[in-house]
């Protein structure tokens, strides 16, 4: 089965943005309004495409006042659904496993049942400004099939 998590074994370091990445960011800033509109529209398209699917709960955000970088759902049997979608070449991911379960934070670990339940159900769907409505319809259809398949095993 494909991994749906990763481990953080130690604290990271703060890294500064390089000059080249800053230049790329500045060039992209001129297109932010278009990107913002496109991402909001795509998120709404996902919302509508996922609405008829049983067992899928869109992680609702205020898409009219935020620019999403992820489109996440909660689904039972997430790892099975993840593997099924990956087998269909749907680039799903898991963002992000609960921090309190990471080895780097073991000293502060305590039970957080709601967080742990959400962490076991969260699935990130493909989401970028170059998706089309057809792409989203294909992801939603594959997701519906994957949920049925995951329930059968």
N, C-alpha and C. Protein backbone atom coordinates (compact mmCIF):
# COMPACT_ATOMS: atom_id res chain seq x y z
N UNK A 1 0.84 -1.18 0.00
CA UNK A 1 0.00 0.00 0.00
C UNK A 1 0.89 1.25 0.00
N UNK A 2 0.47 2.26 -0.69
CA UNK A 2 1.23 3.50 -0.76
C UNK A 2 1.17 4.24 0.56
N UNK A 3 2.22 4.93 0.93
CA UNK A 3 2.21 5.66 2.20
C UNK A 3 1.32 6.90 2.12
N UNK A 4 0.56 7.12 3.19
CA UNK A 4 -0.28 8.32 3.26
C UNK A 4 0.17 9.24 4.38
N UNK A 5 1.41 9.05 4.81
CA UNK A 5 1.92 9.90 5.88
C UNK A 5 3.43 10.03 5.74
N UNK A 6 4.02 10.79 6.60
CA UNK A 6 5.46 10.93 6.65
C UNK A 6 5.83 11.20 8.10
N UNK A 7 7.12 11.11 8.38
CA UNK A 7 7.61 11.31 9.75
C UNK A 7 8.44 12.57 9.83
N UNK A 8 8.26 13.29 10.92
CA UNK A 8 9.10 14.43 11.25
C UNK A 8 9.87 14.02 12.50
N UNK A 9 11.16 13.74 12.32
CA UNK A 9 11.96 13.22 13.43
C UNK A 9 12.67 14.31 14.23
N UNK A 10 12.75 15.51 13.71
CA UNK A 10 13.43 16.58 14.44
C UNK A 10 12.95 17.94 13.99
N UNK A 11 13.35 18.92 14.71
CA UNK A 11 12.97 20.28 14.37
C UNK A 11 13.70 20.74 13.12
N UNK A 12 13.05 21.55 12.33
CA UNK A 12 13.66 22.08 11.12
C UNK A 12 14.30 23.43 11.37
N UNK A 13 14.92 23.93 10.36
CA UNK A 13 15.55 25.23 10.43
C UNK A 13 14.76 26.21 9.57
N UNK A 14 14.89 27.46 9.89
CA UNK A 14 14.24 28.49 9.09
C UNK A 14 15.15 28.83 7.91
N UNK A 15 14.57 28.81 6.73
CA UNK A 15 15.33 29.13 5.53
C UNK A 15 14.78 30.38 4.89
N UNK A 16 15.65 31.20 4.41
CA UNK A 16 15.26 32.44 3.75
C UNK A 16 15.00 32.19 2.28
N UNK A 17 14.12 32.97 1.70
CA UNK A 17 13.80 32.88 0.29
C UNK A 17 14.99 33.34 -0.54
N UNK A 18 15.34 32.56 -1.55
CA UNK A 18 16.47 32.94 -2.40
C UNK A 18 16.06 34.08 -3.33
N UNK A 19 17.04 34.76 -3.85
CA UNK A 19 16.78 35.87 -4.77
C UNK A 19 16.02 35.42 -6.02
N UNK A 20 16.39 34.26 -6.55
CA UNK A 20 15.72 33.78 -7.77
C UNK A 20 14.26 33.45 -7.48
N UNK A 21 13.99 32.82 -6.33
CA UNK A 21 12.60 32.53 -5.97
C UNK A 21 11.81 33.80 -5.71
N UNK A 22 12.44 34.79 -5.14
CA UNK A 22 11.78 36.07 -4.93
C UNK A 22 11.44 36.72 -6.26
N UNK A 23 12.35 36.66 -7.24
CA UNK A 23 12.09 37.24 -8.55
C UNK A 23 10.93 36.53 -9.25
N UNK A 24 10.88 35.21 -9.13
CA UNK A 24 9.77 34.45 -9.71
C UNK A 24 8.46 34.86 -9.05
N UNK A 25 8.47 34.97 -7.74
CA UNK A 25 7.28 35.39 -7.00
C UNK A 25 6.80 36.77 -7.42
N UNK A 26 7.73 37.69 -7.58
CA UNK A 26 7.35 39.04 -8.01
C UNK A 26 6.73 39.02 -9.40
N UNK A 27 7.28 38.22 -10.30
CA UNK A 27 6.72 38.12 -11.65
C UNK A 27 5.32 37.51 -11.61
N UNK A 28 5.11 36.54 -10.74
CA UNK A 28 3.80 35.91 -10.63
C UNK A 28 2.77 36.81 -9.97
N UNK A 29 3.21 37.74 -9.18
CA UNK A 29 2.30 38.64 -8.48
C UNK A 29 1.42 39.42 -9.45
N UNK A 30 1.93 39.72 -10.63
CA UNK A 30 1.14 40.43 -11.63
C UNK A 30 -0.08 39.63 -12.07
N UNK A 31 -0.05 38.32 -11.88
CA UNK A 31 -1.15 37.43 -12.31
C UNK A 31 -2.00 36.95 -11.14
N UNK A 32 -1.78 37.54 -9.97
CA UNK A 32 -2.46 37.03 -8.77
C UNK A 32 -3.97 37.11 -8.87
N UNK A 33 -4.51 38.18 -9.39
CA UNK A 33 -5.96 38.33 -9.48
C UNK A 33 -6.58 37.22 -10.33
N UNK A 34 -5.94 36.89 -11.44
CA UNK A 34 -6.42 35.80 -12.28
C UNK A 34 -6.33 34.47 -11.55
N UNK A 35 -5.20 34.22 -10.90
CA UNK A 35 -5.01 32.98 -10.15
C UNK A 35 -6.04 32.88 -9.02
N UNK A 36 -6.24 33.97 -8.32
CA UNK A 36 -7.22 34.00 -7.22
C UNK A 36 -8.62 33.63 -7.74
N UNK A 37 -9.04 34.25 -8.81
CA UNK A 37 -10.36 33.97 -9.38
C UNK A 37 -10.46 32.51 -9.83
N UNK A 38 -9.43 32.04 -10.51
CA UNK A 38 -9.43 30.67 -11.02
C UNK A 38 -9.51 29.66 -9.89
N UNK A 39 -8.71 29.85 -8.85
CA UNK A 39 -8.71 28.90 -7.73
C UNK A 39 -10.06 28.90 -7.01
N UNK A 40 -10.64 30.05 -6.83
CA UNK A 40 -11.96 30.11 -6.17
C UNK A 40 -13.00 29.39 -7.03
N UNK A 41 -12.97 29.62 -8.32
CA UNK A 41 -13.92 28.98 -9.22
C UNK A 41 -13.74 27.46 -9.21
N UNK A 42 -12.49 27.00 -9.23
CA UNK A 42 -12.23 25.56 -9.21
C UNK A 42 -12.68 24.93 -7.89
N UNK A 43 -12.47 25.63 -6.79
CA UNK A 43 -12.91 25.10 -5.50
C UNK A 43 -14.43 24.94 -5.49
N UNK A 44 -15.15 25.94 -6.03
CA UNK A 44 -16.61 25.84 -6.12
C UNK A 44 -17.03 24.70 -7.05
N UNK A 45 -16.27 24.49 -8.12
CA UNK A 45 -16.56 23.39 -9.03
C UNK A 45 -16.40 22.06 -8.30
N UNK A 46 -15.34 21.92 -7.51
CA UNK A 46 -15.17 20.71 -6.71
C UNK A 46 -16.35 20.55 -5.74
N UNK A 47 -16.71 21.63 -5.07
CA UNK A 47 -17.82 21.56 -4.11
C UNK A 47 -19.06 20.98 -4.78
N UNK A 48 -19.39 21.49 -5.95
CA UNK A 48 -20.58 21.03 -6.66
C UNK A 48 -20.43 19.59 -7.15
N UNK A 49 -19.24 19.22 -7.64
CA UNK A 49 -19.01 17.87 -8.16
C UNK A 49 -19.02 16.82 -7.05
N UNK A 50 -18.60 17.21 -5.85
CA UNK A 50 -18.52 16.26 -4.74
C UNK A 50 -19.83 16.13 -3.96
N UNK A 51 -20.70 17.11 -4.10
CA UNK A 51 -21.94 17.15 -3.31
C UNK A 51 -22.76 15.86 -3.41
N UNK A 52 -22.92 15.26 -4.60
CA UNK A 52 -23.75 14.05 -4.66
C UNK A 52 -23.08 12.77 -4.14
N UNK A 53 -21.81 12.82 -3.81
CA UNK A 53 -21.10 11.61 -3.38
C UNK A 53 -21.37 11.31 -1.91
N UNK A 54 -21.87 10.10 -1.65
CA UNK A 54 -22.07 9.66 -0.27
C UNK A 54 -20.72 9.37 0.37
N UNK A 55 -20.58 9.77 1.62
CA UNK A 55 -19.36 9.45 2.35
C UNK A 55 -18.21 10.40 2.12
N UNK A 56 -18.46 11.50 1.41
CA UNK A 56 -17.42 12.50 1.16
C UNK A 56 -17.84 13.79 1.83
N UNK A 57 -16.97 14.30 2.66
CA UNK A 57 -17.24 15.59 3.29
C UNK A 57 -16.12 16.55 2.91
N UNK A 58 -16.48 17.57 2.16
CA UNK A 58 -15.51 18.59 1.77
C UNK A 58 -15.11 19.38 3.00
N UNK A 59 -13.81 19.57 3.18
CA UNK A 59 -13.35 20.43 4.27
C UNK A 59 -13.66 21.84 3.83
N UNK A 60 -14.72 22.37 4.39
CA UNK A 60 -15.27 23.64 3.94
C UNK A 60 -14.42 24.79 4.46
N UNK A 61 -14.15 25.69 3.58
CA UNK A 61 -13.40 26.89 3.90
C UNK A 61 -14.18 28.06 3.35
N UNK A 62 -13.84 29.22 3.76
CA UNK A 62 -14.50 30.41 3.24
C UNK A 62 -13.83 30.77 1.91
N UNK A 63 -14.18 30.02 0.88
CA UNK A 63 -13.51 30.16 -0.42
C UNK A 63 -13.72 31.52 -1.05
N UNK A 64 -14.72 32.26 -0.60
CA UNK A 64 -14.94 33.59 -1.16
C UNK A 64 -14.02 34.65 -0.54
N UNK A 65 -13.35 34.28 0.56
CA UNK A 65 -12.48 35.24 1.24
C UNK A 65 -11.06 34.72 1.46
N UNK A 66 -10.76 33.58 0.86
CA UNK A 66 -9.42 33.00 0.97
C UNK A 66 -9.05 32.40 -0.38
N UNK A 67 -7.78 32.30 -0.64
CA UNK A 67 -7.32 31.67 -1.87
C UNK A 67 -6.74 30.32 -1.48
N UNK A 68 -7.44 29.27 -1.87
CA UNK A 68 -7.07 27.93 -1.46
C UNK A 68 -5.83 27.43 -2.19
N UNK A 69 -5.00 26.71 -1.47
CA UNK A 69 -3.89 26.00 -2.11
C UNK A 69 -4.13 24.50 -2.05
N UNK A 70 -5.14 24.07 -1.30
CA UNK A 70 -5.53 22.66 -1.21
C UNK A 70 -7.04 22.53 -1.33
N UNK A 71 -7.47 21.39 -1.81
CA UNK A 71 -8.88 21.01 -1.77
C UNK A 71 -8.92 19.68 -1.05
N UNK A 72 -9.40 19.72 0.18
CA UNK A 72 -9.37 18.54 1.04
C UNK A 72 -10.77 18.02 1.31
N UNK A 73 -10.83 16.70 1.45
CA UNK A 73 -12.06 16.04 1.84
C UNK A 73 -11.77 15.16 3.04
N UNK A 74 -12.84 14.76 3.72
CA UNK A 74 -12.75 13.73 4.75
C UNK A 74 -13.53 12.54 4.24
N UNK A 75 -12.90 11.37 4.34
CA UNK A 75 -13.51 10.16 3.81
C UNK A 75 -13.10 8.97 4.69
N UNK A 76 -14.04 8.08 4.92
CA UNK A 76 -13.73 6.84 5.65
C UNK A 76 -12.82 5.97 4.79
N UNK A 77 -12.07 5.13 5.44
CA UNK A 77 -11.14 4.22 4.74
C UNK A 77 -10.20 5.00 3.83
N UNK A 78 -9.71 6.11 4.32
CA UNK A 78 -8.89 7.02 3.54
C UNK A 78 -7.72 6.33 2.84
N UNK A 79 -7.02 5.46 3.56
CA UNK A 79 -5.85 4.83 2.96
C UNK A 79 -6.23 3.94 1.78
N UNK A 80 -7.34 3.26 1.88
CA UNK A 80 -7.81 2.44 0.76
C UNK A 80 -8.24 3.31 -0.42
N UNK A 81 -8.97 4.38 -0.12
CA UNK A 81 -9.40 5.30 -1.17
C UNK A 81 -8.19 5.94 -1.83
N UNK A 82 -7.21 6.33 -1.02
CA UNK A 82 -5.97 6.91 -1.52
C UNK A 82 -5.29 5.96 -2.52
N UNK A 83 -5.13 4.69 -2.10
CA UNK A 83 -4.46 3.71 -2.95
C UNK A 83 -5.24 3.47 -4.24
N UNK A 84 -6.55 3.40 -4.13
CA UNK A 84 -7.39 3.18 -5.31
C UNK A 84 -7.27 4.36 -6.29
N UNK A 85 -7.30 5.56 -5.78
CA UNK A 85 -7.18 6.73 -6.65
C UNK A 85 -5.79 6.81 -7.29
N UNK A 86 -4.76 6.51 -6.52
CA UNK A 86 -3.41 6.50 -7.08
C UNK A 86 -3.29 5.45 -8.19
N UNK A 87 -3.95 4.31 -7.99
CA UNK A 87 -3.90 3.26 -9.02
C UNK A 87 -4.60 3.71 -10.30
N UNK A 88 -5.44 4.71 -10.19
CA UNK A 88 -6.14 5.28 -11.35
C UNK A 88 -5.43 6.55 -11.85
N UNK A 89 -4.21 6.77 -11.38
CA UNK A 89 -3.39 7.92 -11.77
C UNK A 89 -4.00 9.26 -11.36
N UNK A 90 -4.71 9.26 -10.25
CA UNK A 90 -5.23 10.50 -9.66
C UNK A 90 -4.25 10.90 -8.56
N UNK A 91 -3.66 12.06 -8.69
CA UNK A 91 -2.57 12.49 -7.80
C UNK A 91 -3.11 13.07 -6.50
N UNK A 92 -3.62 12.19 -5.65
CA UNK A 92 -4.09 12.62 -4.34
C UNK A 92 -2.92 12.67 -3.37
N UNK A 93 -3.12 13.35 -2.26
CA UNK A 93 -2.10 13.44 -1.22
C UNK A 93 -2.75 13.50 0.14
N UNK A 94 -1.94 13.59 1.16
CA UNK A 94 -2.42 13.75 2.53
C UNK A 94 -1.70 14.94 3.13
N UNK A 95 -2.44 15.98 3.40
CA UNK A 95 -1.89 17.21 3.96
C UNK A 95 -2.76 17.63 5.14
N UNK A 96 -2.33 17.44 6.25
CA UNK A 96 -1.03 17.07 6.79
C UNK A 96 -1.28 16.12 7.94
N UNK A 97 -0.37 15.18 8.19
CA UNK A 97 -0.58 14.32 9.36
C UNK A 97 -0.48 15.15 10.64
N UNK A 98 -1.20 14.77 11.68
CA UNK A 98 -1.20 15.56 12.91
C UNK A 98 0.20 15.73 13.50
N UNK A 99 0.56 16.96 13.79
CA UNK A 99 1.89 17.26 14.34
C UNK A 99 2.14 16.55 15.66
N UNK A 100 1.13 16.46 16.51
CA UNK A 100 1.38 15.90 17.84
C UNK A 100 1.74 14.41 17.81
N UNK A 101 1.54 13.76 16.67
CA UNK A 101 1.92 12.36 16.53
C UNK A 101 3.31 12.18 15.92
N UNK A 102 3.94 13.25 15.54
CA UNK A 102 5.28 13.18 14.94
C UNK A 102 6.33 12.97 16.03
N UNK A 103 7.35 12.17 15.73
CA UNK A 103 8.42 11.93 16.71
C UNK A 103 9.06 13.22 17.23
N UNK A 104 9.16 14.22 16.40
CA UNK A 104 9.79 15.48 16.83
C UNK A 104 9.05 16.13 17.99
N UNK A 105 7.78 15.80 18.15
CA UNK A 105 6.97 16.44 19.19
C UNK A 105 6.55 15.45 20.28
N UNK A 106 7.25 14.33 20.36
CA UNK A 106 6.89 13.26 21.30
C UNK A 106 6.86 13.76 22.75
N UNK A 107 7.71 14.69 23.10
CA UNK A 107 7.76 15.17 24.48
C UNK A 107 6.47 15.87 24.89
N UNK A 108 5.71 16.35 23.92
CA UNK A 108 4.48 17.09 24.22
C UNK A 108 3.23 16.32 23.82
N UNK A 109 3.41 15.06 23.48
CA UNK A 109 2.28 14.27 22.99
C UNK A 109 1.22 14.11 24.07
N UNK A 110 -0.02 14.23 23.64
CA UNK A 110 -1.16 13.94 24.47
C UNK A 110 -2.31 13.53 23.55
N UNK A 111 -3.30 12.85 24.05
CA UNK A 111 -4.39 12.42 23.19
C UNK A 111 -5.18 13.63 22.66
N UNK A 112 -5.39 13.64 21.38
CA UNK A 112 -6.23 14.65 20.72
C UNK A 112 -7.14 13.87 19.77
N UNK A 113 -8.18 13.23 20.30
CA UNK A 113 -8.98 12.31 19.50
C UNK A 113 -9.62 12.93 18.26
N UNK A 114 -10.11 14.14 18.35
CA UNK A 114 -10.75 14.76 17.17
C UNK A 114 -9.71 15.02 16.08
N UNK A 115 -8.53 15.47 16.48
CA UNK A 115 -7.46 15.71 15.53
C UNK A 115 -7.00 14.40 14.90
N UNK A 116 -6.88 13.36 15.72
CA UNK A 116 -6.44 12.07 15.21
C UNK A 116 -7.47 11.47 14.24
N UNK A 117 -8.75 11.65 14.54
CA UNK A 117 -9.78 11.16 13.63
C UNK A 117 -9.72 11.92 12.31
N UNK A 118 -9.62 13.23 12.37
CA UNK A 118 -9.52 14.03 11.14
C UNK A 118 -8.26 13.65 10.37
N UNK A 119 -7.17 13.46 11.08
CA UNK A 119 -5.91 13.10 10.42
C UNK A 119 -5.98 11.78 9.68
N UNK A 120 -6.82 10.87 10.15
CA UNK A 120 -6.97 9.56 9.50
C UNK A 120 -7.94 9.61 8.31
N UNK A 121 -8.66 10.73 8.17
CA UNK A 121 -9.68 10.84 7.13
C UNK A 121 -9.34 11.84 6.03
N UNK A 122 -8.43 12.75 6.30
CA UNK A 122 -8.14 13.84 5.35
C UNK A 122 -7.46 13.31 4.10
N UNK A 123 -7.96 13.76 2.96
CA UNK A 123 -7.39 13.42 1.66
C UNK A 123 -7.38 14.69 0.82
N UNK A 124 -6.24 15.02 0.25
CA UNK A 124 -6.12 16.20 -0.60
C UNK A 124 -6.29 15.79 -2.05
N UNK A 125 -7.22 16.43 -2.72
CA UNK A 125 -7.48 16.16 -4.12
C UNK A 125 -6.57 17.02 -5.00
N UNK A 126 -6.35 16.63 -6.24
CA UNK A 126 -5.54 17.47 -7.14
C UNK A 126 -6.13 18.88 -7.19
N UNK A 127 -5.28 19.87 -7.02
CA UNK A 127 -5.79 21.25 -7.00
C UNK A 127 -4.69 22.21 -7.42
N UNK A 128 -4.87 22.78 -8.59
CA UNK A 128 -3.98 23.83 -9.09
C UNK A 128 -4.73 24.61 -10.15
N UNK A 129 -4.26 25.77 -10.48
CA UNK A 129 -5.02 26.67 -11.35
C UNK A 129 -5.09 26.23 -12.80
N UNK A 130 -4.43 25.16 -13.16
CA UNK A 130 -4.49 24.67 -14.54
C UNK A 130 -5.48 23.52 -14.71
N UNK A 131 -6.17 23.14 -13.62
CA UNK A 131 -7.22 22.13 -13.74
C UNK A 131 -8.37 22.69 -14.57
N UNK A 132 -9.12 21.79 -15.17
CA UNK A 132 -10.33 22.18 -15.87
C UNK A 132 -11.54 21.59 -15.14
N UNK A 133 -12.72 22.04 -15.50
CA UNK A 133 -13.92 21.46 -14.92
C UNK A 133 -14.03 19.98 -15.30
N UNK A 134 -13.59 19.63 -16.48
CA UNK A 134 -13.58 18.23 -16.91
C UNK A 134 -12.66 17.41 -16.02
N UNK A 135 -11.48 17.95 -15.70
CA UNK A 135 -10.55 17.26 -14.79
C UNK A 135 -11.23 16.99 -13.45
N UNK A 136 -11.91 17.98 -12.93
CA UNK A 136 -12.57 17.86 -11.63
C UNK A 136 -13.69 16.82 -11.70
N UNK A 137 -14.45 16.83 -12.78
CA UNK A 137 -15.50 15.81 -12.94
C UNK A 137 -14.90 14.41 -12.98
N UNK A 138 -13.74 14.27 -13.63
CA UNK A 138 -13.07 12.95 -13.68
C UNK A 138 -12.58 12.53 -12.30
N UNK A 139 -12.03 13.47 -11.53
CA UNK A 139 -11.58 13.15 -10.17
C UNK A 139 -12.78 12.74 -9.32
N UNK A 140 -13.87 13.49 -9.41
CA UNK A 140 -15.07 13.17 -8.62
C UNK A 140 -15.62 11.80 -8.99
N UNK A 141 -15.66 11.48 -10.27
CA UNK A 141 -16.15 10.16 -10.70
C UNK A 141 -15.24 9.05 -10.18
N UNK A 142 -13.94 9.24 -10.30
CA UNK A 142 -12.98 8.24 -9.79
C UNK A 142 -13.10 8.11 -8.28
N UNK A 143 -13.31 9.21 -7.59
CA UNK A 143 -13.47 9.18 -6.15
C UNK A 143 -14.70 8.37 -5.76
N UNK A 144 -15.81 8.59 -6.46
CA UNK A 144 -17.01 7.81 -6.18
C UNK A 144 -16.77 6.32 -6.36
N UNK A 145 -16.07 5.95 -7.42
CA UNK A 145 -15.75 4.54 -7.67
C UNK A 145 -14.79 4.00 -6.60
N UNK A 146 -13.82 4.81 -6.21
CA UNK A 146 -12.84 4.39 -5.20
C UNK A 146 -13.50 4.15 -3.86
N UNK A 147 -14.46 4.99 -3.52
CA UNK A 147 -15.17 4.82 -2.24
C UNK A 147 -15.95 3.50 -2.26
N UNK A 148 -16.62 3.23 -3.36
CA UNK A 148 -17.36 1.96 -3.47
C UNK A 148 -16.40 0.79 -3.38
N UNK A 149 -15.28 0.86 -4.08
CA UNK A 149 -14.30 -0.21 -4.07
C UNK A 149 -13.70 -0.41 -2.66
N UNK A 150 -13.41 0.70 -1.98
CA UNK A 150 -12.82 0.61 -0.64
C UNK A 150 -13.80 0.00 0.35
N UNK A 151 -15.09 0.21 0.13
CA UNK A 151 -16.11 -0.36 1.01
C UNK A 151 -16.33 -1.83 0.79
N UNK A 152 -15.96 -2.30 -0.40
CA UNK A 152 -16.16 -3.71 -0.75
C UNK A 152 -15.06 -4.61 -0.20
N UNK A 153 -13.92 -4.04 0.16
CA UNK A 153 -12.79 -4.86 0.60
C UNK A 153 -12.73 -4.98 2.10
